[in-house]
PDB file of all heavy atoms in Angstrom:
ATOM      1  N   ASN A   1     -17.927   4.392   7.055  1.00  0.00           N
ATOM      2  CA  ASN A   1     -19.051   4.842   6.228  1.00  0.00           C
ATOM      3  C   ASN A   1     -18.646   6.108   5.473  1.00  0.00           C
ATOM      4  O   ASN A   1     -18.869   7.215   5.948  1.00  0.00           O
ATOM      5  CB  ASN A   1     -20.279   5.114   7.109  1.00  0.00           C
ATOM      6  CG  ASN A   1     -21.476   5.546   6.293  1.00  0.00           C
ATOM      7  OD1 ASN A   1     -21.654   5.106   5.160  1.00  0.00           O
ATOM      8  ND2 ASN A   1     -22.318   6.388   6.874  1.00  0.00           N
ATOM      9  N   PRO A   2     -18.053   5.960   4.291  1.00  0.00           N
ATOM     10  CA  PRO A   2     -17.522   7.138   3.590  1.00  0.00           C
ATOM     11  C   PRO A   2     -18.608   8.124   3.175  1.00  0.00           C
ATOM     12  O   PRO A   2     -19.674   7.736   2.716  1.00  0.00           O
ATOM     13  CB  PRO A   2     -16.820   6.537   2.369  1.00  0.00           C
ATOM     14  CG  PRO A   2     -17.441   5.199   2.176  1.00  0.00           C
ATOM     15  CD  PRO A   2     -17.813   4.711   3.541  1.00  0.00           C
ATOM     16  N   THR A   3     -18.283   9.395   3.363  1.00  0.00           N
ATOM     17  CA  THR A   3     -19.204  10.477   3.009  1.00  0.00           C
ATOM     18  C   THR A   3     -18.535  11.509   2.101  1.00  0.00           C
ATOM     19  O   THR A   3     -19.142  12.509   1.761  1.00  0.00           O
ATOM     20  CB  THR A   3     -19.714  11.179   4.277  1.00  0.00           C
ATOM     21  OG1 THR A   3     -18.584  11.513   5.108  1.00  0.00           O
ATOM     22  CG2 THR A   3     -20.660  10.271   5.063  1.00  0.00           C
ATOM     23  N   TRP A   4     -17.275  11.252   1.738  1.00  0.00           N
ATOM     24  CA  TRP A   4     -16.513  12.155   0.864  1.00  0.00           C
ATOM     25  C   TRP A   4     -15.721  11.285  -0.104  1.00  0.00           C
ATOM     26  O   TRP A   4     -14.994  10.394   0.331  1.00  0.00           O
ATOM     27  CB  TRP A   4     -15.572  13.029   1.696  1.00  0.00           C
ATOM     28  CG  TRP A   4     -14.787  14.051   0.922  1.00  0.00           C
ATOM     29  CD1 TRP A   4     -13.715  13.843   0.112  1.00  0.00           C
ATOM     30  CD2 TRP A   4     -15.013  15.465   0.917  1.00  0.00           C
ATOM     31  NE1 TRP A   4     -13.248  15.020  -0.393  1.00  0.00           N
ATOM     32  CE2 TRP A   4     -14.036  16.040   0.084  1.00  0.00           C
ATOM     33  CE3 TRP A   4     -15.946  16.292   1.552  1.00  0.00           C
ATOM     34  CZ2 TRP A   4     -13.961  17.416  -0.142  1.00  0.00           C
ATOM     35  CZ3 TRP A   4     -15.870  17.655   1.326  1.00  0.00           C
ATOM     36  CH2 TRP A   4     -14.888  18.203   0.488  1.00  0.00           C
ATOM     37  N   PHE A   5     -15.869  11.519  -1.382  1.00  0.00           N
ATOM     38  CA  PHE A   5     -15.203  10.714  -2.402  1.00  0.00           C
ATOM     39  C   PHE A   5     -14.366  11.610  -3.300  1.00  0.00           C
ATOM     40  O   PHE A   5     -14.879  12.585  -3.855  1.00  0.00           O
ATOM     41  CB  PHE A   5     -16.227   9.956  -3.246  1.00  0.00           C
ATOM     42  CG  PHE A   5     -17.022   8.934  -2.488  1.00  0.00           C
ATOM     43  CD1 PHE A   5     -18.121   9.312  -1.729  1.00  0.00           C
ATOM     44  CD2 PHE A   5     -16.668   7.590  -2.525  1.00  0.00           C
ATOM     45  CE1 PHE A   5     -18.862   8.373  -1.024  1.00  0.00           C
ATOM     46  CE2 PHE A   5     -17.396   6.643  -1.829  1.00  0.00           C
ATOM     47  CZ  PHE A   5     -18.498   7.039  -1.068  1.00  0.00           C
ATOM     48  N   GLU A   6     -13.087  11.276  -3.438  1.00  0.00           N
ATOM     49  CA  GLU A   6     -12.234  11.954  -4.405  1.00  0.00           C
ATOM     50  C   GLU A   6     -12.211  11.113  -5.675  1.00  0.00           C
ATOM     51  O   GLU A   6     -11.668  10.008  -5.689  1.00  0.00           O
ATOM     52  CB  GLU A   6     -10.819  12.134  -3.854  1.00  0.00           C
ATOM     53  CG  GLU A   6     -10.692  13.214  -2.798  1.00  0.00           C
ATOM     54  CD  GLU A   6     -10.924  14.621  -3.348  1.00  0.00           C
ATOM     55  OE1 GLU A   6     -10.763  14.834  -4.572  1.00  0.00           O
ATOM     56  OE2 GLU A   6     -11.261  15.507  -2.541  1.00  0.00           O
ATOM     57  N   THR A   7     -12.827  11.624  -6.733  1.00  0.00           N
ATOM     58  CA  THR A   7     -12.853  10.899  -8.000  1.00  0.00           C
ATOM     59  C   THR A   7     -11.528  11.077  -8.717  1.00  0.00           C
ATOM     60  O   THR A   7     -10.887  12.142  -8.638  1.00  0.00           O
ATOM     61  CB  THR A   7     -14.010  11.383  -8.882  1.00  0.00           C
ATOM     62  OG1 THR A   7     -13.865  12.782  -9.144  1.00  0.00           O
ATOM     63  CG2 THR A   7     -15.353  11.130  -8.185  1.00  0.00           C
ATOM     64  N   LEU A   8     -11.103  10.027  -9.412  1.00  0.00           N
ATOM     65  CA  LEU A   8      -9.728   9.962  -9.906  1.00  0.00           C
ATOM     66  C   LEU A   8      -9.670   9.457 -11.349  1.00  0.00           C
ATOM     67  O   LEU A   8     -10.505   8.662 -11.766  1.00  0.00           O
ATOM     68  CB  LEU A   8      -8.917   9.016  -9.006  1.00  0.00           C
ATOM     69  CG  LEU A   8      -8.963   9.359  -7.514  1.00  0.00           C
ATOM     70  CD1 LEU A   8      -8.581   8.148  -6.680  1.00  0.00           C
ATOM     71  CD2 LEU A   8      -8.070  10.549  -7.211  1.00  0.00           C
ATOM     72  N   THR A   9      -8.657   9.910 -12.067  1.00  0.00           N
ATOM     73  CA  THR A   9      -8.415   9.452 -13.430  1.00  0.00           C
ATOM     74  C   THR A   9      -7.525   8.214 -13.419  1.00  0.00           C
ATOM     75  O   THR A   9      -6.912   7.873 -12.401  1.00  0.00           O
ATOM     76  CB  THR A   9      -7.720  10.550 -14.243  1.00  0.00           C
ATOM     77  OG1 THR A   9      -6.436  10.820 -13.639  1.00  0.00           O
ATOM     78  CG2 THR A   9      -8.552  11.828 -14.272  1.00  0.00           C
ATOM     79  N   ASP A  10      -7.424   7.574 -14.573  1.00  0.00           N
ATOM     80  CA  ASP A  10      -6.516   6.427 -14.697  1.00  0.00           C
ATOM     81  C   ASP A  10      -5.090   6.832 -14.345  1.00  0.00           C
ATOM     82  O   ASP A  10      -4.370   6.096 -13.665  1.00  0.00           O
ATOM     83  CB  ASP A  10      -6.545   5.893 -16.134  1.00  0.00           C
ATOM     84  CG  ASP A  10      -7.848   5.173 -16.478  1.00  0.00           C
ATOM     85  OD1 ASP A  10      -8.598   4.824 -15.546  1.00  0.00           O
ATOM     86  OD2 ASP A  10      -8.102   4.953 -17.676  1.00  0.00           O
ATOM     87  N   GLU A  11      -4.676   8.008 -14.819  1.00  0.00           N
ATOM     88  CA  GLU A  11      -3.302   8.456 -14.579  1.00  0.00           C
ATOM     89  C   GLU A  11      -3.026   8.635 -13.080  1.00  0.00           C
ATOM     90  O   GLU A  11      -1.965   8.230 -12.575  1.00  0.00           O
ATOM     91  CB  GLU A  11      -3.048   9.779 -15.297  1.00  0.00           C
ATOM     92  CG  GLU A  11      -1.638  10.323 -15.087  1.00  0.00           C
ATOM     93  CD  GLU A  11      -1.423  11.669 -15.755  1.00  0.00           C
ATOM     94  OE1 GLU A  11      -2.366  12.194 -16.376  1.00  0.00           O
ATOM     95  OE2 GLU A  11      -0.310  12.199 -15.620  1.00  0.00           O
ATOM     96  N   LEU A  12      -3.974   9.239 -12.365  1.00  0.00           N
ATOM     97  CA  LEU A  12      -3.788   9.429 -10.930  1.00  0.00           C
ATOM     98  C   LEU A  12      -3.745   8.099 -10.196  1.00  0.00           C
ATOM     99  O   LEU A  12      -2.949   7.909  -9.266  1.00  0.00           O
ATOM    100  CB  LEU A  12      -4.911  10.306 -10.369  1.00  0.00           C
ATOM    101  CG  LEU A  12      -4.923  11.768 -10.822  1.00  0.00           C
ATOM    102  CD1 LEU A  12      -6.200  12.463 -10.369  1.00  0.00           C
ATOM    103  CD2 LEU A  12      -3.698  12.518 -10.298  1.00  0.00           C
ATOM    104  N   TRP A  13      -4.600   7.166 -10.613  1.00  0.00           N
ATOM    105  CA  TRP A  13      -4.593   5.858  -9.969  1.00  0.00           C
ATOM    106  C   TRP A  13      -3.270   5.126 -10.237  1.00  0.00           C
ATOM    107  O   TRP A  13      -2.723   4.457  -9.356  1.00  0.00           O
ATOM    108  CB  TRP A  13      -5.772   5.002 -10.433  1.00  0.00           C
ATOM    109  CG  TRP A  13      -5.910   3.790  -9.565  1.00  0.00           C
ATOM    110  CD1 TRP A  13      -5.460   2.522  -9.817  1.00  0.00           C
ATOM    111  CD2 TRP A  13      -6.497   3.749  -8.260  1.00  0.00           C
ATOM    112  NE1 TRP A  13      -5.724   1.701  -8.763  1.00  0.00           N
ATOM    113  CE2 TRP A  13      -6.364   2.431  -7.792  1.00  0.00           C
ATOM    114  CE3 TRP A  13      -7.120   4.693  -7.458  1.00  0.00           C
ATOM    115  CZ2 TRP A  13      -6.835   2.032  -6.545  1.00  0.00           C
ATOM    116  CZ3 TRP A  13      -7.590   4.307  -6.209  1.00  0.00           C
ATOM    117  CH2 TRP A  13      -7.448   2.987  -5.771  1.00  0.00           C
ATOM    118  N   GLU A  14      -2.762   5.269 -11.438  1.00  0.00           N
ATOM    119  CA  GLU A  14      -1.477   4.627 -11.776  1.00  0.00           C
ATOM    120  C   GLU A  14      -0.353   5.170 -10.907  1.00  0.00           C
ATOM    121  O   GLU A  14       0.583   4.441 -10.556  1.00  0.00           O
ATOM    122  CB  GLU A  14      -1.172   4.833 -13.257  1.00  0.00           C
ATOM    123  CG  GLU A  14      -2.048   3.977 -14.174  1.00  0.00           C
ATOM    124  CD  GLU A  14      -1.975   4.402 -15.627  1.00  0.00           C
ATOM    125  OE1 GLU A  14      -1.143   5.310 -15.941  1.00  0.00           O
ATOM    126  OE2 GLU A  14      -2.719   3.851 -16.452  1.00  0.00           O
ATOM    127  N   ARG A  15      -0.421   6.452 -10.556  1.00  0.00           N
ATOM    128  CA  ARG A  15       0.602   7.021  -9.671  1.00  0.00           C
ATOM    129  C   ARG A  15       0.488   6.435  -8.264  1.00  0.00           C
ATOM    130  O   ARG A  15       1.503   6.206  -7.594  1.00  0.00           O
ATOM    131  CB  ARG A  15       0.503   8.545  -9.664  1.00  0.00           C
ATOM    132  CG  ARG A  15       0.990   9.161 -10.972  1.00  0.00           C
ATOM    133  CD  ARG A  15       0.801  10.653 -11.009  1.00  0.00           C
ATOM    134  NE  ARG A  15       1.613  11.341 -10.008  1.00  0.00           N
ATOM    135  CZ  ARG A  15       1.552  12.651  -9.812  1.00  0.00           C
ATOM    136  NH1 ARG A  15       0.729  13.394 -10.512  1.00  0.00           N
ATOM    137  NH2 ARG A  15       2.321  13.211  -8.892  1.00  0.00           N
ATOM    138  N   LYS A  16      -0.709   6.213  -7.795  1.00  0.00           N
ATOM    139  CA  LYS A  16      -0.893   5.544  -6.502  1.00  0.00           C
ATOM    140  C   LYS A  16      -0.256   4.149  -6.527  1.00  0.00           C
ATOM    141  O   LYS A  16       0.475   3.774  -5.609  1.00  0.00           O
ATOM    142  CB  LYS A  16      -2.392   5.423  -6.191  1.00  0.00           C
ATOM    143  CG  LYS A  16      -2.728   4.602  -4.927  1.00  0.00           C
ATOM    144  CD  LYS A  16      -4.207   4.342  -4.834  1.00  0.00           C
ATOM    145  CE  LYS A  16      -4.591   3.498  -3.627  1.00  0.00           C
ATOM    146  NZ  LYS A  16      -4.786   4.290  -2.401  1.00  0.00           N
ATOM    147  N   VAL A  17      -0.557   3.404  -7.578  1.00  0.00           N
ATOM    148  CA  VAL A  17      -0.014   2.051  -7.701  1.00  0.00           C
ATOM    149  C   VAL A  17       1.517   2.095  -7.773  1.00  0.00           C
ATOM    150  O   VAL A  17       2.205   1.267  -7.161  1.00  0.00           O
ATOM    151  CB  VAL A  17      -0.617   1.339  -8.924  1.00  0.00           C
ATOM    152  CG1 VAL A  17       0.080   0.011  -9.171  1.00  0.00           C
ATOM    153  CG2 VAL A  17      -2.116   1.134  -8.736  1.00  0.00           C
ATOM    154  N   ALA A  18       2.049   3.069  -8.519  1.00  0.00           N
ATOM    155  CA  ALA A  18       3.511   3.204  -8.604  1.00  0.00           C
ATOM    156  C   ALA A  18       4.116   3.487  -7.231  1.00  0.00           C
ATOM    157  O   ALA A  18       5.187   2.964  -6.891  1.00  0.00           O
ATOM    158  CB  ALA A  18       3.875   4.322  -9.585  1.00  0.00           C
ATOM    159  N   ALA A  19       3.441   4.308  -6.425  1.00  0.00           N
ATOM    160  CA  ALA A  19       3.918   4.575  -5.066  1.00  0.00           C
ATOM    161  C   ALA A  19       3.883   3.307  -4.222  1.00  0.00           C
ATOM    162  O   ALA A  19       4.805   3.024  -3.451  1.00  0.00           O
ATOM    163  CB  ALA A  19       3.086   5.676  -4.427  1.00  0.00           C
ATOM    164  N   LEU A  20       2.813   2.516  -4.371  1.00  0.00           N
ATOM    165  CA  LEU A  20       2.706   1.271  -3.608  1.00  0.00           C
ATOM    166  C   LEU A  20       3.776   0.267  -4.037  1.00  0.00           C
ATOM    167  O   LEU A  20       4.218  -0.551  -3.223  1.00  0.00           O
ATOM    168  CB  LEU A  20       1.317   0.680  -3.762  1.00  0.00           C
ATOM    169  CG  LEU A  20       0.213   1.435  -3.015  1.00  0.00           C
ATOM    170  CD1 LEU A  20      -1.164   0.869  -3.357  1.00  0.00           C
ATOM    171  CD2 LEU A  20       0.443   1.374  -1.499  1.00  0.00           C
ATOM    172  N   PHE A  21       4.201   0.317  -5.296  1.00  0.00           N
ATOM    173  CA  PHE A  21       5.289  -0.560  -5.730  1.00  0.00           C
ATOM    174  C   PHE A  21       6.585  -0.217  -4.992  1.00  0.00           C
ATOM    175  O   PHE A  21       7.454  -1.079  -4.816  1.00  0.00           O
ATOM    176  CB  PHE A  21       5.490  -0.482  -7.244  1.00  0.00           C
ATOM    177  CG  PHE A  21       4.746  -1.557  -7.990  1.00  0.00           C
ATOM    178  CD1 PHE A  21       3.634  -1.245  -8.758  1.00  0.00           C
ATOM    179  CD2 PHE A  21       5.161  -2.884  -7.927  1.00  0.00           C
ATOM    180  CE1 PHE A  21       2.942  -2.236  -9.439  1.00  0.00           C
ATOM    181  CE2 PHE A  21       4.481  -3.883  -8.605  1.00  0.00           C
ATOM    182  CZ  PHE A  21       3.366  -3.560  -9.363  1.00  0.00           C
ATOM    183  N   CYS A  22       6.723   1.045  -4.541  1.00  0.00           N
ATOM    184  CA  CYS A  22       7.885   1.389  -3.721  1.00  0.00           C
ATOM    185  C   CYS A  22       7.875   0.598  -2.408  1.00  0.00           C
ATOM    186  O   CYS A  22       8.921   0.302  -1.843  1.00  0.00           O
ATOM    187  CB  CYS A  22       7.875   2.885  -3.409  1.00  0.00           C
ATOM    188  SG  CYS A  22       8.047   3.974  -4.836  1.00  0.00           S
ATOM    189  N   TYR A  23       6.671   0.272  -1.940  1.00  0.00           N
ATOM    190  CA  TYR A  23       6.487  -0.480  -0.697  1.00  0.00           C
ATOM    191  C   TYR A  23       6.199  -1.954  -0.987  1.00  0.00           C
ATOM    192  O   TYR A  23       5.486  -2.604  -0.209  1.00  0.00           O
ATOM    193  CB  TYR A  23       5.319   0.103   0.098  1.00  0.00           C
ATOM    194  CG  TYR A  23       5.501   1.516   0.572  1.00  0.00           C
ATOM    195  CD1 TYR A  23       4.768   2.560   0.003  1.00  0.00           C
ATOM    196  CD2 TYR A  23       6.376   1.822   1.617  1.00  0.00           C
ATOM    197  CE1 TYR A  23       4.898   3.870   0.457  1.00  0.00           C
ATOM    198  CE2 TYR A  23       6.514   3.121   2.079  1.00  0.00           C
ATOM    199  CZ  TYR A  23       5.776   4.141   1.489  1.00  0.00           C
ATOM    200  OH  TYR A  23       5.909   5.424   1.960  1.00  0.00           O
ATOM    201  N   GLU A  24       6.724  -2.474  -2.053  1.00  0.00           N
ATOM    202  CA  GLU A  24       6.347  -3.821  -2.506  1.00  0.00           C
ATOM    203  C   GLU A  24       6.524  -4.886  -1.426  1.00  0.00           C
ATOM    204  O   GLU A  24       5.739  -5.833  -1.334  1.00  0.00           O
ATOM    205  CB  GLU A  24       7.158  -4.190  -3.750  1.00  0.00           C
ATOM    206  CG  GLU A  24       6.645  -5.400  -4.481  1.00  0.00           C
ATOM    207  CD  GLU A  24       7.278  -5.568  -5.844  1.00  0.00           C
ATOM    208  OE1 GLU A  24       8.237  -4.835  -6.159  1.00  0.00           O
ATOM    209  OE2 GLU A  24       6.811  -6.431  -6.605  1.00  0.00           O
ATOM    210  N   GLU A  25       7.533  -4.715  -0.563  1.00  0.00           N
ATOM    211  CA  GLU A  25       7.758  -5.701   0.495  1.00  0.00           C
ATOM    212  C   GLU A  25       6.637  -5.702   1.524  1.00  0.00           C
ATOM    213  O   GLU A  25       6.458  -6.685   2.257  1.00  0.00           O
ATOM    214  CB  GLU A  25       9.097  -5.433   1.181  1.00  0.00           C
ATOM    215  CG  GLU A  25      10.312  -5.752   0.321  1.00  0.00           C
ATOM    216  CD  GLU A  25      11.604  -5.659   1.105  1.00  0.00           C
ATOM    217  OE1 GLU A  25      11.537  -5.485   2.355  1.00  0.00           O
ATOM    218  OE2 GLU A  25      12.668  -5.781   0.491  1.00  0.00           O
ATOM    219  N   GLU A  26       5.879  -4.618   1.604  1.00  0.00           N
ATOM    220  CA  GLU A  26       4.775  -4.529   2.547  1.00  0.00           C
ATOM    221  C   GLU A  26       3.462  -5.067   1.956  1.00  0.00           C
ATOM    222  O   GLU A  26       2.485  -5.256   2.692  1.00  0.00           O
ATOM    223  CB  GLU A  26       4.558  -3.069   2.979  1.00  0.00           C
ATOM    224  CG  GLU A  26       5.780  -2.400   3.574  1.00  0.00           C
ATOM    225  CD  GLU A  26       6.275  -3.105   4.817  1.00  0.00           C
ATOM    226  OE1 GLU A  26       5.437  -3.483   5.664  1.00  0.00           O
ATOM    227  OE2 GLU A  26       7.503  -3.299   4.936  1.00  0.00           O
ATOM    228  N   MET A  27       3.448  -5.279   0.647  1.00  0.00           N
ATOM    229  CA  MET A  27       2.245  -5.780  -0.006  1.00  0.00           C
ATOM    230  C   MET A  27       2.169  -7.297   0.144  1.00  0.00           C
ATOM    231  O   MET A  27       3.154  -7.955   0.482  1.00  0.00           O
ATOM    232  CB  MET A  27       2.242  -5.374  -1.475  1.00  0.00           C
ATOM    233  CG  MET A  27       2.305  -3.862  -1.705  1.00  0.00           C
ATOM    234  SD  MET A  27       0.913  -2.970  -1.013  1.00  0.00           S
ATOM    235  CE  MET A  27      -0.366  -3.397  -2.208  1.00  0.00           C
TER     236      MET A  27
END
């Protein structure tokens, strides 16, 4: 039940996705 939200820009989200691409074998 989330009670704290970090709002994010497109650029910040793209960096998250880029980091997850480093772990592509785990996806």
